[in-house]
């Protein structure tokens, strides 16, 4: 009997290992794939047949100048259907600051082309979304995410912040340094958002500034995202462990 039960124990151990790997995979999958919705998907008009213009633009700001433009788009592409772009060149010397999104591209490009002789070629890009009100972010999401598809240029660096206005109050996030492509997460629990009611949001503003000559940034999207709460991950782990213990006990009982 003991000899015959040994293969069953080995089989149980194999099942145990496979299920443990499955649990780990489920946990890692849930933690790395955030559920998201959009503030600005930065893409071509998703419904070109309805007469709403595509939200493309090109702006150039000379030294000490600020230029601004408002662009309409699909609500499915831009929260509220409106994006306000403000571009500032805060340097006094030669050089132009540019921002654009061309037809067919999936990003907004912000290029700081200050003269190399300047110690501070300061450019600032603001993307403002306020054509909506009473938007509930907090029920399903916990982060605002800015996705940079590329950050180019020698020593390229920018300071990124998010400002949010709500019925209860306003707030501005802590500054994040943008030095490489990737996603930059701003949690609703950021101390700068202490006065914001994310259940009732009326405005979101992204601001990116750079003092580095010829820094080139490509913003791919601004979205809302949520990752599982720690309790959810514990449930995955404990649930998987319970299944494994039951399997092992049944195998030993045989």
C-alpha atoms as a PDB file:
ATOM      1  CA  UNK A   1       0.000   0.000   0.000  1.00  0.00           C
ATOM      2  CA  UNK A   2       2.820   2.399   0.873  1.00  0.00           C
ATOM      3  CA  UNK A   3       4.576   1.699  -2.406  1.00  0.00           C
ATOM      4  CA  UNK A   4       1.401   2.274  -4.415  1.00  0.00           C
ATOM      5  CA  UNK A   5       0.608   5.587  -2.679  1.00  0.00           C
ATOM      6  CA  UNK A   6       4.025   7.083  -3.402  1.00  0.00           C
ATOM      7  CA  UNK A   7       3.207   8.013  -7.046  1.00  0.00           C
ATOM      8  CA  UNK A   8       0.040   9.710  -5.809  1.00  0.00           C
ATOM      9  CA  UNK A   9       2.081  11.847  -3.449  1.00  0.00           C
ATOM     10  CA  UNK A  10       4.438  12.763  -6.260  1.00  0.00           C
ATOM     11  CA  UNK A  11       1.465  13.617  -8.468  1.00  0.00           C
ATOM     12  CA  UNK A  12       0.046  15.763  -5.687  1.00  0.00           C
ATOM     13  CA  UNK A  13       3.333  17.602  -5.423  1.00  0.00           C
ATOM     14  CA  UNK A  14       3.293  18.254  -9.163  1.00  0.00           C
ATOM     15  CA  UNK A  15      -0.258  19.582  -8.898  1.00  0.00           C
ATOM     16  CA  UNK A  16       0.827  21.679  -5.927  1.00  0.00           C
ATOM     17  CA  UNK A  17       3.666  23.223  -7.918  1.00  0.00           C
ATOM     18  CA  UNK A  18       1.491  23.920 -10.967  1.00  0.00           C
ATOM     19  CA  UNK A  19      -1.228  25.557  -8.894  1.00  0.00           C
ATOM     20  CA  UNK A  20       1.308  27.600  -6.959  1.00  0.00           C
ATOM     21  CA  UNK A  21       2.689  28.910 -10.242  1.00  0.00           C
ATOM     22  CA  UNK A  22      -0.841  29.650 -11.425  1.00  0.00           C
ATOM     23  CA  UNK A  23      -1.565  31.644  -8.283  1.00  0.00           C
ATOM     24  CA  UNK A  24       1.664  33.607  -8.626  1.00  0.00           C
ATOM     25  CA  UNK A  25       0.870  34.296 -12.267  1.00  0.00           C
ATOM     26  CA  UNK A  26      -2.609  35.524 -11.379  1.00  0.00           C
ATOM     27  CA  UNK A  27      -1.250  37.843  -8.708  1.00  0.00           C
ATOM     28  CA  UNK A  28       1.486  39.239 -10.934  1.00  0.00           C
ATOM     29  CA  UNK A  29      -0.951  39.685 -13.818  1.00  0.00           C
ATOM     30  CA  UNK A  30      -3.457  41.600 -11.701  1.00  0.00           C
ATOM     31  CA  UNK A  31      -0.784  43.820 -10.180  1.00  0.00           C
ATOM     32  CA  UNK A  32       0.924  44.680 -13.457  1.00  0.00           C
ATOM     33  CA  UNK A  33      -2.144  45.244 -15.651  1.00  0.00           C
ATOM     34  CA  UNK A  34      -3.951  48.316 -14.407  1.00  0.00           C
ATOM     35  CA  UNK A  35      -7.503  48.907 -15.441  1.00  0.00           C
ATOM     36  CA  UNK A  36      -7.738  52.305 -17.083  1.00  0.00           C
ATOM     37  CA  UNK A  37      -9.900  54.964 -18.663  1.00  0.00           C
ATOM     38  CA  UNK A  38      -8.872  58.064 -20.520  1.00  0.00           C
ATOM     39  CA  UNK A  39      -8.290  61.740 -19.960  1.00  0.00           C
ATOM     40  CA  UNK A  40      -6.581  62.105 -23.346  1.00  0.00           C
ATOM     41  CA  UNK A  41      -5.775  59.143 -25.588  1.00  0.00           C
ATOM     42  CA  UNK A  42      -3.970  61.424 -28.073  1.00  0.00           C
ATOM     43  CA  UNK A  43      -5.137  59.692 -31.212  1.00  0.00           C
ATOM     44  CA  UNK A  44      -6.964  60.434 -34.440  1.00  0.00           C
ATOM     45  CA  UNK A  45     -10.687  61.109 -34.407  1.00  0.00           C
ATOM     46  CA  UNK A  46     -12.389  57.824 -33.505  1.00  0.00           C
ATOM     47  CA  UNK A  47     -15.557  58.838 -35.381  1.00  0.00           C
ATOM     48  CA  UNK A  48     -14.603  61.084 -38.327  1.00  0.00           C
ATOM     49  CA  UNK A  49     -18.077  60.896 -39.859  1.00  0.00           C
ATOM     50  CA  UNK A  50     -19.840  63.042 -37.252  1.00  0.00           C
ATOM     51  CA  UNK A  51     -18.268  66.384 -38.172  1.00  0.00           C
ATOM     52  CA  UNK A  52     -16.159  66.874 -35.031  1.00  0.00           C
ATOM     53  CA  UNK A  53     -12.700  68.083 -36.032  1.00  0.00           C
ATOM     54  CA  UNK A  54      -9.585  66.103 -35.276  1.00  0.00           C
ATOM     55  CA  UNK A  55      -7.597  67.480 -32.327  1.00  0.00           C
ATOM     56  CA  UNK A  56      -4.319  68.133 -34.155  1.00  0.00           C
ATOM     57  CA  UNK A  57      -2.198  71.271 -33.702  1.00  0.00           C
ATOM     58  CA  UNK A  58       1.176  72.950 -34.128  1.00  0.00           C
ATOM     59  CA  UNK A  59       2.344  75.717 -31.790  1.00  0.00           C
ATOM     60  CA  UNK A  60       5.601  77.700 -31.780  1.00  0.00           C
ATOM     61  CA  UNK A  61       6.590  80.090 -29.002  1.00  0.00           C
ATOM     62  CA  UNK A  62       9.356  82.641 -29.426  1.00  0.00           C
ATOM     63  CA  UNK A  63      11.365  83.876 -26.395  1.00  0.00           C
ATOM     64  CA  UNK A  64       9.185  85.457 -23.666  1.00  0.00           C
ATOM     65  CA  UNK A  65       5.996  84.542 -25.575  1.00  0.00           C
ATOM     66  CA  UNK A  66       3.077  82.315 -24.615  1.00  0.00           C
ATOM     67  CA  UNK A  67       0.720  80.846 -27.203  1.00  0.00           C
ATOM     68  CA  UNK A  68      -2.491  78.965 -26.643  1.00  0.00           C
ATOM     69  CA  UNK A  69      -4.983  76.966 -28.685  1.00  0.00           C
ATOM     70  CA  UNK A  70      -8.158  75.032 -27.969  1.00  0.00           C
ATOM     71  CA  UNK A  71      -8.953  71.834 -29.827  1.00  0.00           C
ATOM     72  CA  UNK A  72     -12.122  69.785 -29.908  1.00  0.00           C
ATOM     73  CA  UNK A  73     -12.237  66.040 -30.268  1.00  0.00           C
ATOM     74  CA  UNK A  74     -14.360  63.014 -29.572  1.00  0.00           C
ATOM     75  CA  UNK A  75     -15.403  62.472 -25.962  1.00  0.00           C
ATOM     76  CA  UNK A  76     -14.250  58.898 -26.539  1.00  0.00           C
ATOM     77  CA  UNK A  77     -10.755  60.277 -27.164  1.00  0.00           C
ATOM     78  CA  UNK A  78     -10.590  63.337 -24.854  1.00  0.00           C
ATOM     79  CA  UNK A  79     -12.400  63.697 -21.535  1.00  0.00           C
ATOM     80  CA  UNK A  80     -15.048  66.349 -22.099  1.00  0.00           C
ATOM     81  CA  UNK A  81     -14.157  66.512 -25.785  1.00  0.00           C
ATOM     82  CA  UNK A  82     -11.838  69.508 -25.394  1.00  0.00           C
ATOM     83  CA  UNK A  83      -8.095  69.997 -24.925  1.00  0.00           C
ATOM     84  CA  UNK A  84      -6.562  73.413 -24.181  1.00  0.00           C
ATOM     85  CA  UNK A  85      -2.851  73.639 -25.016  1.00  0.00           C
ATOM     86  CA  UNK A  86      -0.673  76.412 -23.621  1.00  0.00           C
ATOM     87  CA  UNK A  87       2.970  76.703 -24.666  1.00  0.00           C
ATOM     88  CA  UNK A  88       5.389  79.142 -23.050  1.00  0.00           C
ATOM     89  CA  UNK A  89       8.952  80.115 -23.883  1.00  0.00           C
ATOM     90  CA  UNK A  90      10.240  81.718 -20.690  1.00  0.00           C
ATOM     91  CA  UNK A  91      13.821  82.268 -21.868  1.00  0.00           C
ATOM     92  CA  UNK A  92      15.067  85.654 -23.023  1.00  0.00           C
ATOM     93  CA  UNK A  93      17.581  84.507 -25.634  1.00  0.00           C
ATOM     94  CA  UNK A  94      17.156  82.985 -29.104  1.00  0.00           C
ATOM     95  CA  UNK A  95      15.426  79.698 -29.711  1.00  0.00           C
ATOM     96  CA  UNK A  96      11.896  78.397 -30.185  1.00  0.00           C
ATOM     97  CA  UNK A  97       9.751  76.104 -28.103  1.00  0.00           C
ATOM     98  CA  UNK A  98       7.383  73.897 -30.095  1.00  0.00           C
ATOM     99  CA  UNK A  99       4.475  71.587 -29.397  1.00  0.00           C
ATOM    100  CA  UNK A 100       2.437  69.619 -31.917  1.00  0.00           C
ATOM    101  CA  UNK A 101       0.309  66.624 -32.695  1.00  0.00           C
ATOM    102  CA  UNK A 102       0.176  65.751 -36.340  1.00  0.00           C
ATOM    103  CA  UNK A 103      -2.540  63.828 -38.158  1.00  0.00           C
ATOM    104  CA  UNK A 104      -1.864  60.120 -37.806  1.00  0.00           C
ATOM    105  CA  UNK A 105       0.513  60.446 -34.851  1.00  0.00           C
ATOM    106  CA  UNK A 106      -0.230  58.934 -31.453  1.00  0.00           C
ATOM    107  CA  UNK A 107       1.605  61.470 -29.308  1.00  0.00           C
ATOM    108  CA  UNK A 108       2.032  65.149 -28.495  1.00  0.00           C
ATOM    109  CA  UNK A 109       5.595  66.283 -29.060  1.00  0.00           C
ATOM    110  CA  UNK A 110       7.122  68.995 -26.876  1.00  0.00           C
ATOM    111  CA  UNK A 111      10.503  70.225 -28.100  1.00  0.00           C
ATOM    112  CA  UNK A 112      12.695  72.709 -26.246  1.00  0.00           C
ATOM    113  CA  UNK A 113      14.952  74.296 -28.886  1.00  0.00           C
ATOM    114  CA  UNK A 114      16.637  77.033 -26.899  1.00  0.00           C
ATOM    115  CA  UNK A 115      20.013  78.316 -28.101  1.00  0.00           C
ATOM    116  CA  UNK A 116      22.946  76.272 -26.810  1.00  0.00           C
ATOM    117  CA  UNK A 117      24.626  79.382 -25.406  1.00  0.00           C
ATOM    118  CA  UNK A 118      21.770  79.871 -22.945  1.00  0.00           C
ATOM    119  CA  UNK A 119      22.218  78.422 -19.496  1.00  0.00           C
ATOM    120  CA  UNK A 120      18.435  78.261 -19.074  1.00  0.00           C
ATOM    121  CA  UNK A 121      16.285  77.592 -22.112  1.00  0.00           C
ATOM    122  CA  UNK A 122      13.000  77.253 -20.259  1.00  0.00           C
ATOM    123  CA  UNK A 123       9.944  75.811 -21.982  1.00  0.00           C
ATOM    124  CA  UNK A 124       6.577  74.947 -20.450  1.00  0.00           C
ATOM    125  CA  UNK A 125       3.734  72.873 -21.890  1.00  0.00           C
ATOM    126  CA  UNK A 126       0.305  72.768 -20.274  1.00  0.00           C
ATOM    127  CA  UNK A 127      -2.508  70.417 -21.299  1.00  0.00           C
ATOM    128  CA  UNK A 128      -5.780  71.484 -19.714  1.00  0.00           C
ATOM    129  CA  UNK A 129      -9.066  69.551 -19.568  1.00  0.00           C
ATOM    130  CA  UNK A 130     -12.109  71.322 -18.110  1.00  0.00           C
ATOM    131  CA  UNK A 131     -15.038  70.698 -20.487  1.00  0.00           C
ATOM    132  CA  UNK A 132     -16.621  68.311 -17.969  1.00  0.00           C
ATOM    133  CA  UNK A 133     -17.851  68.434 -14.395  1.00  0.00           C
ATOM    134  CA  UNK A 134     -18.767  66.182 -11.476  1.00  0.00           C
ATOM    135  CA  UNK A 135     -16.694  63.327 -12.878  1.00  0.00           C
ATOM    136  CA  UNK A 136     -16.244  60.386 -10.507  1.00  0.00           C
ATOM    137  CA  UNK A 137     -12.642  59.179 -10.630  1.00  0.00           C
ATOM    138  CA  UNK A 138     -12.375  57.573  -7.205  1.00  0.00           C
ATOM    139  CA  UNK A 139     -14.979  54.807  -7.484  1.00  0.00           C
ATOM    140  CA  UNK A 140     -12.926  52.879 -10.027  1.00  0.00           C
ATOM    141  CA  UNK A 141      -9.474  54.436 -10.151  1.00  0.00           C
ATOM    142  CA  UNK A 142      -6.600  55.427  -7.932  1.00  0.00           C
ATOM    143  CA  UNK A 143      -4.050  57.020 -10.246  1.00  0.00           C
ATOM    144  CA  UNK A 144      -3.596  59.518 -13.047  1.00  0.00           C
ATOM    145  CA  UNK A 145      -0.980  58.160 -15.442  1.00  0.00           C
ATOM    146  CA  UNK A 146       1.057  60.092 -18.010  1.00  0.00           C
ATOM    147  CA  UNK A 147       2.693  57.855 -20.595  1.00  0.00           C
ATOM    148  CA  UNK A 148       5.853  59.136 -22.297  1.00  0.00           C
ATOM    149  CA  UNK A 149       6.651  57.237 -25.476  1.00  0.00           C
ATOM    150  CA  UNK A 150      10.065  58.896 -25.808  1.00  0.00           C
ATOM    151  CA  UNK A 151      12.370  61.314 -23.986  1.00  0.00           C
ATOM    152  CA  UNK A 152      15.265  62.338 -26.193  1.00  0.00           C
ATOM    153  CA  UNK A 153      18.229  64.712 -26.104  1.00  0.00           C
ATOM    154  CA  UNK A 154      21.485  64.812 -24.175  1.00  0.00           C
ATOM    155  CA  UNK A 155      20.593  65.053 -20.490  1.00  0.00           C
ATOM    156  CA  UNK A 156      16.909  65.520 -21.328  1.00  0.00           C
ATOM    157  CA  UNK A 157      14.842  66.171 -18.235  1.00  0.00           C
ATOM    158  CA  UNK A 158      11.524  67.751 -17.350  1.00  0.00           C
ATOM    159  CA  UNK A 159       9.443  68.473 -14.247  1.00  0.00           C
ATOM    160  CA  UNK A 160       5.941  66.988 -14.416  1.00  0.00           C
ATOM    161  CA  UNK A 161       2.955  67.872 -12.232  1.00  0.00           C
ATOM    162  CA  UNK A 162      -0.793  67.217 -12.288  1.00  0.00           C
ATOM    163  CA  UNK A 163      -3.343  69.684 -10.930  1.00  0.00           C
ATOM    164  CA  UNK A 164      -6.914  68.659 -10.136  1.00  0.00           C
ATOM    165  CA  UNK A 165      -9.934  70.821  -9.313  1.00  0.00           C
ATOM    166  CA  UNK A 166     -12.978  69.419  -7.540  1.00  0.00           C
ATOM    167  CA  UNK A 167     -16.105  70.605  -5.759  1.00  0.00           C
ATOM    168  CA  UNK A 168     -14.386  70.285  -2.384  1.00  0.00           C
ATOM    169  CA  UNK A 169     -11.065  71.878  -3.287  1.00  0.00           C
ATOM    170  CA  UNK A 170      -8.034  71.887  -5.558  1.00  0.00           C
ATOM    171  CA  UNK A 171      -4.590  70.354  -5.425  1.00  0.00           C
ATOM    172  CA  UNK A 172      -1.308  69.926  -7.265  1.00  0.00           C
ATOM    173  CA  UNK A 173       0.763  66.770  -7.147  1.00  0.00           C
ATOM    174  CA  UNK A 174       4.342  66.394  -6.087  1.00  0.00           C
ATOM    175  CA  UNK A 175       6.849  67.017  -8.897  1.00  0.00           C
ATOM    176  CA  UNK A 176       8.128  63.998 -10.802  1.00  0.00           C
ATOM    177  CA  UNK A 177      11.317  64.227 -12.867  1.00  0.00           C
ATOM    178  CA  UNK A 178      10.821  62.891 -16.392  1.00  0.00           C
ATOM    179  CA  UNK A 179      14.142  61.587 -17.708  1.00  0.00           C
ATOM    180  CA  UNK A 180      13.144  58.492 -19.688  1.00  0.00           C
ATOM    181  CA  UNK A 181      10.265  56.953 -21.573  1.00  0.00           C
ATOM    182  CA  UNK A 182       7.680  55.185 -19.442  1.00  0.00           C
ATOM    183  CA  UNK A 183       4.571  55.663 -17.343  1.00  0.00           C
ATOM    184  CA  UNK A 184       4.498  58.215 -14.532  1.00  0.00           C
ATOM    185  CA  UNK A 185       1.867  57.508 -11.856  1.00  0.00           C
ATOM    186  CA  UNK A 186       0.227  60.153  -9.673  1.00  0.00           C
ATOM    187  CA  UNK A 187      -1.724  58.545  -6.840  1.00  0.00           C
ATOM    188  CA  UNK A 188      -4.880  60.138  -5.517  1.00  0.00           C
ATOM    189  CA  UNK A 189      -3.249  59.837  -2.082  1.00  0.00           C
ATOM    190  CA  UNK A 190      -0.435  62.223  -3.088  1.00  0.00           C
ATOM    191  CA  UNK A 191      -0.097  64.806  -0.270  1.00  0.00           C
ATOM    192  CA  UNK A 192      -0.614  67.579  -2.814  1.00  0.00           C
ATOM    193  CA  UNK A 193      -4.114  66.206  -3.501  1.00  0.00           C
ATOM    194  CA  UNK A 194      -5.165  66.317   0.165  1.00  0.00           C
ATOM    195  CA  UNK A 195      -7.986  68.801  -0.496  1.00  0.00           C
ATOM    196  CA  UNK A 196      -9.304  67.159  -3.677  1.00  0.00           C
ATOM    197  CA  UNK A 197     -12.536  65.174  -3.843  1.00  0.00           C
ATOM    198  CA  UNK A 198     -11.827  62.599  -6.550  1.00  0.00           C
ATOM    199  CA  UNK A 199     -15.482  61.556  -6.501  1.00  0.00           C
ATOM    200  CA  UNK A 200     -16.409  64.942  -7.985  1.00  0.00           C
ATOM    201  CA  UNK A 201     -13.694  66.213 -10.360  1.00  0.00           C
ATOM    202  CA  UNK A 202     -14.181  69.266 -12.575  1.00  0.00           C
ATOM    203  CA  UNK A 203     -10.757  69.847 -14.126  1.00  0.00           C
ATOM    204  CA  UNK A 204      -7.399  68.160 -14.752  1.00  0.00           C
ATOM    205  CA  UNK A 205      -4.243  69.974 -15.862  1.00  0.00           C
ATOM    206  CA  UNK A 206      -0.876  68.487 -16.795  1.00  0.00           C
ATOM    207  CA  UNK A 207       2.188  70.758 -16.763  1.00  0.00           C
ATOM    208  CA  UNK A 208       5.659  69.846 -18.044  1.00  0.00           C
ATOM    209  CA  UNK A 209       8.606  72.251 -17.802  1.00  0.00           C
ATOM    210  CA  UNK A 210      12.206  71.821 -18.903  1.00  0.00           C
ATOM    211  CA  UNK A 211      15.384  73.864 -18.680  1.00  0.00           C
ATOM    212  CA  UNK A 212      17.492  71.437 -20.714  1.00  0.00           C
ATOM    213  CA  UNK A 213      18.386  72.540 -24.241  1.00  0.00           C
ATOM    214  CA  UNK A 214      16.916  70.374 -27.041  1.00  0.00           C
ATOM    215  CA  UNK A 215      14.913  68.147 -24.727  1.00  0.00           C
ATOM    216  CA  UNK A 216      12.289  66.323 -26.766  1.00  0.00           C
ATOM    217  CA  UNK A 217       9.274  64.699 -25.086  1.00  0.00           C
ATOM    218  CA  UNK A 218       6.563  62.568 -26.701  1.00  0.00           C
ATOM    219  CA  UNK A 219       3.432  62.179 -24.595  1.00  0.00           C
ATOM    220  CA  UNK A 220       1.409  59.129 -25.608  1.00  0.00           C
ATOM    221  CA  UNK A 221      -1.617  59.418 -23.318  1.00  0.00           C
ATOM    222  CA  UNK A 222      -3.042  60.640 -20.037  1.00  0.00           C
ATOM    223  CA  UNK A 223      -5.234  58.004 -18.430  1.00  0.00           C
ATOM    224  CA  UNK A 224      -6.845  56.856 -15.204  1.00  0.00           C
ATOM    225  CA  UNK A 225      -5.757  53.562 -13.701  1.00  0.00           C
ATOM    226  CA  UNK A 226      -6.235  51.323 -10.718  1.00  0.00           C
ATOM    227  CA  UNK A 227      -4.070  48.531  -9.325  1.00  0.00           C
ATOM    228  CA  UNK A 228      -5.477  45.876  -6.987  1.00  0.00           C
ATOM    229  CA  UNK A 229      -5.613  46.713  -3.307  1.00  0.00           C
ATOM    230  CA  UNK A 230      -3.203  44.712  -1.105  1.00  0.00           C
ATOM    231  CA  UNK A 231      -6.226  42.871   0.329  1.00  0.00           C
ATOM    232  CA  UNK A 232      -7.075  41.609  -3.148  1.00  0.00           C
ATOM    233  CA  UNK A 233      -3.606  40.179  -3.580  1.00  0.00           C
ATOM    234  CA  UNK A 234      -3.836  38.505  -0.155  1.00  0.00           C
ATOM    235  CA  UNK A 235      -7.105  36.865  -1.196  1.00  0.00           C
ATOM    236  CA  UNK A 236      -5.444  35.466  -4.317  1.00  0.00           C
ATOM    237  CA  UNK A 237      -2.565  34.091  -2.266  1.00  0.00           C
ATOM    238  CA  UNK A 238      -4.607  32.663   0.628  1.00  0.00           C
ATOM    239  CA  UNK A 239      -7.204  31.199  -1.712  1.00  0.00           C
ATOM    240  CA  UNK A 240      -4.512  29.461  -3.725  1.00  0.00           C
ATOM    241  CA  UNK A 241      -2.817  28.208  -0.564  1.00  0.00           C
ATOM    242  CA  UNK A 242      -6.070  26.724   0.715  1.00  0.00           C
ATOM    243  CA  UNK A 243      -6.560  24.810  -2.531  1.00  0.00           C
ATOM    244  CA  UNK A 244      -3.018  23.453  -2.323  1.00  0.00           C
ATOM    245  CA  UNK A 245      -3.418  22.277   1.279  1.00  0.00           C
ATOM    246  CA  UNK A 246      -6.663  20.461   0.477  1.00  0.00           C
ATOM    247  CA  UNK A 247      -5.006  18.763  -2.512  1.00  0.00           C
ATOM    248  CA  UNK A 248      -2.050  17.612  -0.416  1.00  0.00           C
ATOM    249  CA  UNK A 249      -4.271  16.260   2.374  1.00  0.00           C
ATOM    250  CA  UNK A 250      -6.366  14.295  -0.101  1.00  0.00           C
ATOM    251  CA  UNK A 251      -3.254  12.807  -1.667  1.00  0.00           C
ATOM    252  CA  UNK A 252      -1.888  11.727   1.717  1.00  0.00           C
ATOM    253  CA  UNK A 253      -5.252  10.229   2.687  1.00  0.00           C
ATOM    254  CA  UNK A 254      -4.981   7.880  -0.280  1.00  0.00           C
END
